[in-house]
Amino acid sequence: MARGWESKSVEDQIGAAEAERELRNREQLSTEEREQNEHHQSLLLSRSLILARMKAARDPRYRAQLKVALEQLDEQLRQLSSDE
């Protein structure tokens, strides 16, 4: 049982070190880079939500609207990646 606690402690220490490293990397990013990353993540989240709605949609008109929205998001993602 003591061995289990020891390995858990090591696992926690590794997790804490990784979190600290990630925090330091975030601090090193400029404000503009941070905003771009957040915008990119937001677009990806919106894209995944639209895909989920497309799977559940039954009305063809609603599906068409979702498809247009998906195409617009994909275009924004392409523009964002070409700017980098």
PDB file of N, CA and C in Angstrom:
ATOM      1  N   MET A   1       0.811  -1.182   0.000  1.00  0.00           N
ATOM      2  CA  MET A   1       0.000   0.000   0.000  1.00  0.00           C
ATOM      3  C   MET A   1       0.865   1.261   0.000  1.00  0.00           C
ATOM      4  N   ALA A   2       1.974   1.229   0.720  1.00  0.00           N
ATOM      5  CA  ALA A   2       2.853   2.390   0.748  1.00  0.00           C
ATOM      6  C   ALA A   2       3.407   2.681  -0.641  1.00  0.00           C
ATOM      7  N   ARG A   3       3.632   1.646  -1.405  1.00  0.00           N
ATOM      8  CA  ARG A   3       4.163   1.835  -2.741  1.00  0.00           C
ATOM      9  C   ARG A   3       3.155   2.570  -3.625  1.00  0.00           C
ATOM     10  N   GLY A   4       1.894   2.270  -3.456  1.00  0.00           N
ATOM     11  CA  GLY A   4       0.855   2.952  -4.219  1.00  0.00           C
ATOM     12  C   GLY A   4       0.823   4.437  -3.920  1.00  0.00           C
ATOM     13  N   TRP A   5       0.961   4.783  -2.659  1.00  0.00           N
ATOM     14  CA  TRP A   5       0.980   6.198  -2.280  1.00  0.00           C
ATOM     15  C   TRP A   5       2.201   6.890  -2.857  1.00  0.00           C
ATOM     16  N   GLU A   6       3.326   6.189  -2.856  1.00  0.00           N
ATOM     17  CA  GLU A   6       4.555   6.772  -3.373  1.00  0.00           C
ATOM     18  C   GLU A   6       4.425   7.067  -4.869  1.00  0.00           C
ATOM     19  N   SER A   7       3.874   6.136  -5.636  1.00  0.00           N
ATOM     20  CA  SER A   7       3.746   6.359  -7.071  1.00  0.00           C
ATOM     21  C   SER A   7       2.745   7.477  -7.360  1.00  0.00           C
ATOM     22  N   LYS A   8       1.725   7.577  -6.529  1.00  0.00           N
ATOM     23  CA  LYS A   8       0.751   8.656  -6.696  1.00  0.00           C
ATOM     24  C   LYS A   8       1.421   9.995  -6.446  1.00  0.00           C
ATOM     25  N   SER A   9       2.279  10.064  -5.451  1.00  0.00           N
ATOM     26  CA  SER A   9       2.993  11.296  -5.138  1.00  0.00           C
ATOM     27  C   SER A   9       3.893  11.699  -6.311  1.00  0.00           C
ATOM     28  N   VAL A  10       4.573  10.747  -6.893  1.00  0.00           N
ATOM     29  CA  VAL A  10       5.444  11.019  -8.037  1.00  0.00           C
ATOM     30  C   VAL A  10       4.601  11.516  -9.210  1.00  0.00           C
ATOM     31  N   GLU A  11       3.456  10.875  -9.427  1.00  0.00           N
ATOM     32  CA  GLU A  11       2.560  11.284 -10.497  1.00  0.00           C
ATOM     33  C   GLU A  11       2.082  12.718 -10.282  1.00  0.00           C
ATOM     34  N   ASP A  12       1.749  13.068  -9.054  1.00  0.00           N
ATOM     35  CA  ASP A  12       1.325  14.432  -8.738  1.00  0.00           C
ATOM     36  C   ASP A  12       2.453  15.435  -8.981  1.00  0.00           C
ATOM     37  N   GLN A  13       3.665  15.057  -8.624  1.00  0.00           N
ATOM     38  CA  GLN A  13       4.804  15.945  -8.822  1.00  0.00           C
ATOM     39  C   GLN A  13       5.060  16.181 -10.313  1.00  0.00           C
ATOM     40  N   ILE A  14       4.937  15.135 -11.105  1.00  0.00           N
ATOM     41  CA  ILE A  14       5.131  15.274 -12.552  1.00  0.00           C
ATOM     42  C   ILE A  14       4.047  16.176 -13.132  1.00  0.00           C
ATOM     43  N   GLY A  15       2.814  15.965 -12.703  1.00  0.00           N
ATOM     44  CA  GLY A  15       1.713  16.808 -13.176  1.00  0.00           C
ATOM     45  C   GLY A  15       1.901  18.262 -12.806  1.00  0.00           C
ATOM     46  N   ALA A  16       2.357  18.510 -11.588  1.00  0.00           N
ATOM     47  CA  ALA A  16       2.588  19.876 -11.134  1.00  0.00           C
ATOM     48  C   ALA A  16       3.715  20.532 -11.929  1.00  0.00           C
ATOM     49  N   ALA A  17       4.759  19.770 -12.222  1.00  0.00           N
ATOM     50  CA  ALA A  17       5.882  20.310 -12.994  1.00  0.00           C
ATOM     51  C   ALA A  17       5.437  20.658 -14.415  1.00  0.00           C
ATOM     52  N   GLU A  18       4.619  19.806 -15.014  1.00  0.00           N
ATOM     53  CA  GLU A  18       4.123  20.078 -16.363  1.00  0.00           C
ATOM     54  C   GLU A  18       3.221  21.306 -16.374  1.00  0.00           C
ATOM     55  N   ALA A  19       2.381  21.439 -15.363  1.00  0.00           N
ATOM     56  CA  ALA A  19       1.500  22.605 -15.274  1.00  0.00           C
ATOM     57  C   ALA A  19       2.317  23.884 -15.108  1.00  0.00           C
ATOM     58  N   GLU A  20       3.366  23.812 -14.319  1.00  0.00           N
ATOM     59  CA  GLU A  20       4.220  24.980 -14.106  1.00  0.00           C
ATOM     60  C   GLU A  20       4.944  25.365 -15.396  1.00  0.00           C
ATOM     61  N   ARG A  21       5.408  24.366 -16.132  1.00  0.00           N
ATOM     62  CA  ARG A  21       6.078  24.613 -17.407  1.00  0.00           C
ATOM     63  C   ARG A  21       5.120  25.272 -18.401  1.00  0.00           C
ATOM     64  N   GLU A  22       3.913  24.771 -18.449  1.00  0.00           N
ATOM     65  CA  GLU A  22       2.911  25.333 -19.350  1.00  0.00           C
ATOM     66  C   GLU A  22       2.601  26.783 -18.969  1.00  0.00           C
ATOM     67  N   LEU A  23       2.503  27.054 -17.699  1.00  0.00           N
ATOM     68  CA  LEU A  23       2.242  28.412 -17.227  1.00  0.00           C
ATOM     69  C   LEU A  23       3.374  29.350 -17.641  1.00  0.00           C
ATOM     70  N   ARG A  24       4.603  28.906 -17.497  1.00  0.00           N
ATOM     71  CA  ARG A  24       5.748  29.732 -17.897  1.00  0.00           C
ATOM     72  C   ARG A  24       5.726  30.008 -19.394  1.00  0.00           C
ATOM     73  N   ASN A  25       5.367  28.979 -20.183  1.00  0.00           N
ATOM     74  CA  ASN A  25       5.295  29.168 -21.631  1.00  0.00           C
ATOM     75  C   ASN A  25       4.211  30.170 -21.999  1.00  0.00           C
ATOM     76  N   ARG A  26       3.100  30.143 -21.298  1.00  0.00           N
ATOM     77  CA  ARG A  26       2.026  31.099 -21.558  1.00  0.00           C
ATOM     78  C   ARG A  26       2.474  32.520 -21.248  1.00  0.00           C
ATOM     79  N   GLU A  27       3.231  32.679 -20.186  1.00  0.00           N
ATOM     80  CA  GLU A  27       3.701  34.004 -19.798  1.00  0.00           C
ATOM     81  C   GLU A  27       4.668  34.560 -20.828  1.00  0.00           C
ATOM     82  N   GLN A  28       5.379  33.700 -21.523  1.00  0.00           N
ATOM     83  CA  GLN A  28       6.354  34.145 -22.500  1.00  0.00           C
ATOM     84  C   GLN A  28       5.696  34.613 -23.797  1.00  0.00           C
ATOM     85  N   LEU A  29       4.448  34.213 -24.044  1.00  0.00           N
ATOM     86  CA  LEU A  29       3.750  34.636 -25.244  1.00  0.00           C
ATOM     87  C   LEU A  29       3.355  36.109 -25.132  1.00  0.00           C
ATOM     88  N   SER A  30       3.433  36.795 -26.230  1.00  0.00           N
ATOM     89  CA  SER A  30       2.994  38.186 -26.229  1.00  0.00           C
ATOM     90  C   SER A  30       1.472  38.224 -26.157  1.00  0.00           C
ATOM     91  N   THR A  31       0.946  39.389 -25.886  1.00  0.00           N
ATOM     92  CA  THR A  31      -0.501  39.562 -25.793  1.00  0.00           C
ATOM     93  C   THR A  31      -1.150  39.205 -27.125  1.00  0.00           C
ATOM     94  N   GLU A  32      -0.546  39.638 -28.221  1.00  0.00           N
ATOM     95  CA  GLU A  32      -1.096  39.357 -29.546  1.00  0.00           C
ATOM     96  C   GLU A  32      -1.106  37.850 -29.830  1.00  0.00           C
ATOM     97  N   GLU A  33      -0.015  37.174 -29.480  1.00  0.00           N
ATOM     98  CA  GLU A  33       0.052  35.723 -29.690  1.00  0.00           C
ATOM     99  C   GLU A  33      -1.003  35.005 -28.854  1.00  0.00           C
ATOM    100  N   ARG A  34      -1.178  35.449 -27.627  1.00  0.00           N
ATOM    101  CA  ARG A  34      -2.177  34.853 -26.759  1.00  0.00           C
ATOM    102  C   ARG A  34      -3.577  35.033 -27.344  1.00  0.00           C
ATOM    103  N   GLU A  35      -3.860  36.242 -27.838  1.00  0.00           N
ATOM    104  CA  GLU A  35      -5.163  36.514 -28.439  1.00  0.00           C
ATOM    105  C   GLU A  35      -5.386  35.661 -29.680  1.00  0.00           C
ATOM    106  N   GLN A  36      -4.350  35.490 -30.482  1.00  0.00           N
ATOM    107  CA  GLN A  36      -4.463  34.642 -31.676  1.00  0.00           C
ATOM    108  C   GLN A  36      -4.734  33.197 -31.291  1.00  0.00           C
ATOM    109  N   ASN A  37      -4.036  32.715 -30.263  1.00  0.00           N
ATOM    110  CA  ASN A  37      -4.259  31.345 -29.805  1.00  0.00           C
ATOM    111  C   ASN A  37      -5.686  31.163 -29.290  1.00  0.00           C
ATOM    112  N   GLU A  38      -6.165  32.137 -28.528  1.00  0.00           N
ATOM    113  CA  GLU A  38      -7.526  32.058 -28.002  1.00  0.00           C
ATOM    114  C   GLU A  38      -8.557  32.091 -29.130  1.00  0.00           C
ATOM    115  N   HIS A  39      -8.309  32.934 -30.131  1.00  0.00           N
ATOM    116  CA  HIS A  39      -9.214  33.014 -31.281  1.00  0.00           C
ATOM    117  C   HIS A  39      -9.228  31.687 -32.038  1.00  0.00           C
ATOM    118  N   HIS A  40      -8.061  31.110 -32.224  1.00  0.00           N
ATOM    119  CA  HIS A  40      -7.952  29.826 -32.909  1.00  0.00           C
ATOM    120  C   HIS A  40      -8.712  28.737 -32.144  1.00  0.00           C
ATOM    121  N   GLN A  41      -8.516  28.697 -30.832  1.00  0.00           N
ATOM    122  CA  GLN A  41      -9.221  27.710 -30.013  1.00  0.00           C
ATOM    123  C   GLN A  41     -10.730  27.922 -30.068  1.00  0.00           C
ATOM    124  N   SER A  42     -11.146  29.176 -30.087  1.00  0.00           N
ATOM    125  CA  SER A  42     -12.569  29.498 -30.174  1.00  0.00           C
ATOM    126  C   SER A  42     -13.154  29.014 -31.497  1.00  0.00           C
ATOM    127  N   LEU A  43     -12.421  29.218 -32.583  1.00  0.00           N
ATOM    128  CA  LEU A  43     -12.887  28.750 -33.891  1.00  0.00           C
ATOM    129  C   LEU A  43     -12.990  27.228 -33.924  1.00  0.00           C
ATOM    130  N   LEU A  44     -12.017  26.560 -33.343  1.00  0.00           N
ATOM    131  CA  LEU A  44     -12.050  25.091 -33.310  1.00  0.00           C
ATOM    132  C   LEU A  44     -13.234  24.582 -32.491  1.00  0.00           C
ATOM    133  N   LEU A  45     -13.502  25.247 -31.385  1.00  0.00           N
ATOM    134  CA  LEU A  45     -14.641  24.856 -30.560  1.00  0.00           C
ATOM    135  C   LEU A  45     -15.951  25.077 -31.314  1.00  0.00           C
ATOM    136  N   SER A  46     -16.073  26.207 -31.958  1.00  0.00           N
ATOM    137  CA  SER A  46     -17.279  26.490 -32.746  1.00  0.00           C
ATOM    138  C   SER A  46     -17.451  25.463 -33.847  1.00  0.00           C
ATOM    139  N   ARG A  47     -16.347  25.089 -34.476  1.00  0.00           N
ATOM    140  CA  ARG A  47     -16.403  24.092 -35.545  1.00  0.00           C
ATOM    141  C   ARG A  47     -16.912  22.756 -35.027  1.00  0.00           C
ATOM    142  N   SER A  48     -16.410  22.340 -33.880  1.00  0.00           N
ATOM    143  CA  SER A  48     -16.851  21.055 -33.331  1.00  0.00           C
ATOM    144  C   SER A  48     -18.323  21.095 -32.929  1.00  0.00           C
ATOM    145  N   LEU A  49     -18.783  22.242 -32.420  1.00  0.00           N
ATOM    146  CA  LEU A  49     -20.195  22.376 -32.071  1.00  0.00           C
ATOM    147  C   LEU A  49     -21.077  22.304 -33.315  1.00  0.00           C
ATOM    148  N   ILE A  50     -20.657  22.956 -34.380  1.00  0.00           N
ATOM    149  CA  ILE A  50     -21.430  22.917 -35.622  1.00  0.00           C
ATOM    150  C   ILE A  50     -21.471  21.501 -36.183  1.00  0.00           C
ATOM    151  N   LEU A  51     -20.353  20.793 -36.126  1.00  0.00           N
ATOM    152  CA  LEU A  51     -20.343  19.406 -36.614  1.00  0.00           C
ATOM    153  C   LEU A  51     -21.308  18.535 -35.806  1.00  0.00           C
ATOM    154  N   ALA A  52     -21.329  18.733 -34.501  1.00  0.00           N
ATOM    155  CA  ALA A  52     -22.246  17.961 -33.655  1.00  0.00           C
ATOM    156  C   ALA A  52     -23.698  18.294 -33.999  1.00  0.00           C
ATOM    157  N   ARG A  53     -23.976  19.566 -34.245  1.00  0.00           N
ATOM    158  CA  ARG A  53     -25.337  19.960 -34.608  1.00  0.00           C
ATOM    159  C   ARG A  53     -25.725  19.408 -35.975  1.00  0.00           C
ATOM    160  N   MET A  54     -24.757  19.341 -36.881  1.00  0.00           N
ATOM    161  CA  MET A  54     -25.050  18.796 -38.214  1.00  0.00           C
ATOM    162  C   MET A  54     -25.441  17.323 -38.122  1.00  0.00           C
ATOM    163  N   LYS A  55     -24.778  16.596 -37.242  1.00  0.00           N
ATOM    164  CA  LYS A  55     -25.106  15.178 -37.073  1.00  0.00           C
ATOM    165  C   LYS A  55     -26.524  14.993 -36.534  1.00  0.00           C
ATOM    166  N   ALA A  56     -26.942  15.915 -35.689  1.00  0.00           N
ATOM    167  CA  ALA A  56     -28.253  15.788 -35.052  1.00  0.00           C
ATOM    168  C   ALA A  56     -29.373  16.435 -35.864  1.00  0.00           C
ATOM    169  N   ALA A  57     -29.026  17.281 -36.814  1.00  0.00           N
ATOM    170  CA  ALA A  57     -30.041  18.043 -37.551  1.00  0.00           C
ATOM    171  C   ALA A  57     -30.830  17.143 -38.492  1.00  0.00           C
ATOM    172  N   ARG A  58     -32.136  17.376 -38.523  1.00  0.00           N
ATOM    173  CA  ARG A  58     -33.022  16.625 -39.412  1.00  0.00           C
ATOM    174  C   ARG A  58     -33.555  17.499 -40.542  1.00  0.00           C
ATOM    175  N   ASP A  59     -33.696  18.790 -40.281  1.00  0.00           N
ATOM    176  CA  ASP A  59     -34.237  19.720 -41.266  1.00  0.00           C
ATOM    177  C   ASP A  59     -33.156  20.075 -42.294  1.00  0.00           C
ATOM    178  N   PRO A  60     -33.416  19.842 -43.574  1.00  0.00           N
ATOM    179  CA  PRO A  60     -32.407  20.127 -44.602  1.00  0.00           C
ATOM    180  C   PRO A  60     -32.017  21.610 -44.677  1.00  0.00           C
ATOM    181  N   ARG A  61     -32.950  22.502 -44.380  1.00  0.00           N
ATOM    182  CA  ARG A  61     -32.614  23.934 -44.418  1.00  0.00           C
ATOM    183  C   ARG A  61     -31.649  24.291 -43.290  1.00  0.00           C
ATOM    184  N   TYR A  62     -31.874  23.707 -42.129  1.00  0.00           N
ATOM    185  CA  TYR A  62     -30.980  23.945 -40.996  1.00  0.00           C
ATOM    186  C   TYR A  62     -29.598  23.360 -41.283  1.00  0.00           C
ATOM    187  N   ARG A  63     -29.572  22.176 -41.885  1.00  0.00           N
ATOM    188  CA  ARG A  63     -28.297  21.558 -42.253  1.00  0.00           C
ATOM    189  C   ARG A  63     -27.539  22.448 -43.237  1.00  0.00           C
ATOM    190  N   ALA A  64     -28.274  23.057 -44.179  1.00  0.00           N
ATOM    191  CA  ALA A  64     -27.639  23.944 -45.158  1.00  0.00           C
ATOM    192  C   ALA A  64     -27.042  25.163 -44.460  1.00  0.00           C
ATOM    193  N   GLN A  65     -27.751  25.723 -43.493  1.00  0.00           N
ATOM    194  CA  GLN A  65     -27.221  26.865 -42.735  1.00  0.00           C
ATOM    195  C   GLN A  65     -25.965  26.474 -41.977  1.00  0.00           C
ATOM    196  N   LEU A  66     -26.006  25.297 -41.368  1.00  0.00           N
ATOM    197  CA  LEU A  66     -24.838  24.818 -40.623  1.00  0.00           C
ATOM    198  C   LEU A  66     -23.649  24.592 -41.556  1.00  0.00           C
ATOM    199  N   LYS A  67     -23.932  24.096 -42.754  1.00  0.00           N
ATOM    200  CA  LYS A  67     -22.858  23.853 -43.728  1.00  0.00           C
ATOM    201  C   LYS A  67     -22.195  25.170 -44.124  1.00  0.00           C
ATOM    202  N   VAL A  68     -22.995  26.211 -44.336  1.00  0.00           N
ATOM    203  CA  VAL A  68     -22.443  27.525 -44.668  1.00  0.00           C
ATOM    204  C   VAL A  68     -21.592  28.039 -43.509  1.00  0.00           C
ATOM    205  N   ALA A  69     -22.094  27.892 -42.300  1.00  0.00           N
ATOM    206  CA  ALA A  69     -21.339  28.341 -41.123  1.00  0.00           C
ATOM    207  C   ALA A  69     -20.023  27.569 -41.008  1.00  0.00           C
ATOM    208  N   LEU A  70     -20.065  26.275 -41.272  1.00  0.00           N
ATOM    209  CA  LEU A  70     -18.855  25.451 -41.212  1.00  0.00           C
ATOM    210  C   LEU A  70     -17.837  25.908 -42.262  1.00  0.00           C
ATOM    211  N   GLU A  71     -18.306  26.201 -43.463  1.00  0.00           N
ATOM    212  CA  GLU A  71     -17.410  26.679 -44.513  1.00  0.00           C
ATOM    213  C   GLU A  71     -16.769  28.009 -44.130  1.00  0.00           C
ATOM    214  N   GLN A  72     -17.541  28.884 -43.501  1.00  0.00           N
ATOM    215  CA  GLN A  72     -16.993  30.172 -43.059  1.00  0.00           C
ATOM    216  C   GLN A  72     -15.926  29.975 -41.978  1.00  0.00           C
ATOM    217  N   LEU A  73     -16.199  29.077 -41.049  1.00  0.00           N
ATOM    218  CA  LEU A  73     -15.210  28.802 -39.996  1.00  0.00           C
ATOM    219  C   LEU A  73     -13.937  28.203 -40.584  1.00  0.00           C
ATOM    220  N   ASP A  74     -14.104  27.278 -41.527  1.00  0.00           N
ATOM    221  CA  ASP A  74     -12.932  26.680 -42.160  1.00  0.00           C
ATOM    222  C   ASP A  74     -12.101  27.731 -42.886  1.00  0.00           C
ATOM    223  N   GLU A  75     -12.769  28.679 -43.533  1.00  0.00           N
ATOM    224  CA  GLU A  75     -12.059  29.757 -44.225  1.00  0.00           C
ATOM    225  C   GLU A  75     -11.303  30.623 -43.219  1.00  0.00           C
ATOM    226  N   GLN A  76     -11.937  30.931 -42.097  1.00  0.00           N
ATOM    227  CA  GLN A  76     -11.258  31.720 -41.062  1.00  0.00           C
ATOM    228  C   GLN A  76     -10.056  30.972 -40.511  1.00  0.00           C
ATOM    229  N   LEU A  77     -10.188  29.677 -40.322  1.00  0.00           N
ATOM    230  CA  LEU A  77      -9.065  28.873 -39.827  1.00  0.00           C
ATOM    231  C   LEU A  77      -7.930  28.850 -40.843  1.00  0.00           C
ATOM    232  N   ARG A  78      -8.268  28.748 -42.126  1.00  0.00           N
ATOM    233  CA  ARG A  78      -7.226  28.769 -43.163  1.00  0.00           C
ATOM    234  C   ARG A  78      -6.492  30.112 -43.160  1.00  0.00           C
ATOM    235  N   GLN A  79      -7.247  31.197 -43.048  1.00  0.00           N
ATOM    236  CA  GLN A  79      -6.631  32.525 -43.021  1.00  0.00           C
ATOM    237  C   GLN A  79      -5.730  32.685 -41.808  1.00  0.00           C
ATOM    238  N   LEU A  80      -6.194  32.189 -40.682  1.00  0.00           N
ATOM    239  CA  LEU A  80      -5.408  32.296 -39.465  1.00  0.00           C
ATOM    240  C   LEU A  80      -4.104  31.513 -39.571  1.00  0.00           C
ATOM    241  N   SER A  81      -4.166  30.315 -40.143  1.00  0.00           N
ATOM    242  CA  SER A  81      -2.961  29.499 -40.260  1.00  0.00           C
ATOM    243  C   SER A  81      -2.013  30.057 -41.318  1.00  0.00           C
ATOM    244  N   SER A  82      -2.541  30.731 -42.345  1.00  0.00           N
ATOM    245  CA  SER A  82      -1.656  31.314 -43.357  1.00  0.00           C
ATOM    246  C   SER A  82      -0.970  32.583 -42.840  1.00  0.00           C
ATOM    247  N   ASP A  83      -1.599  33.252 -41.876  1.00  0.00           N
ATOM    248  CA  ASP A  83      -1.014  34.447 -41.281  1.00  0.00           C
ATOM    249  C   ASP A  83       0.158  34.110 -40.380  1.00  0.00           C
ATOM    250  N   GLU A  84       0.178  32.922 -39.841  1.00  0.00           N
ATOM    251  CA  GLU A  84       1.236  32.529 -38.897  1.00  0.00           C
ATOM    252  C   GLU A  84       2.453  32.133 -39.602  1.00  0.00           C
TER     253      GLU A  84
END
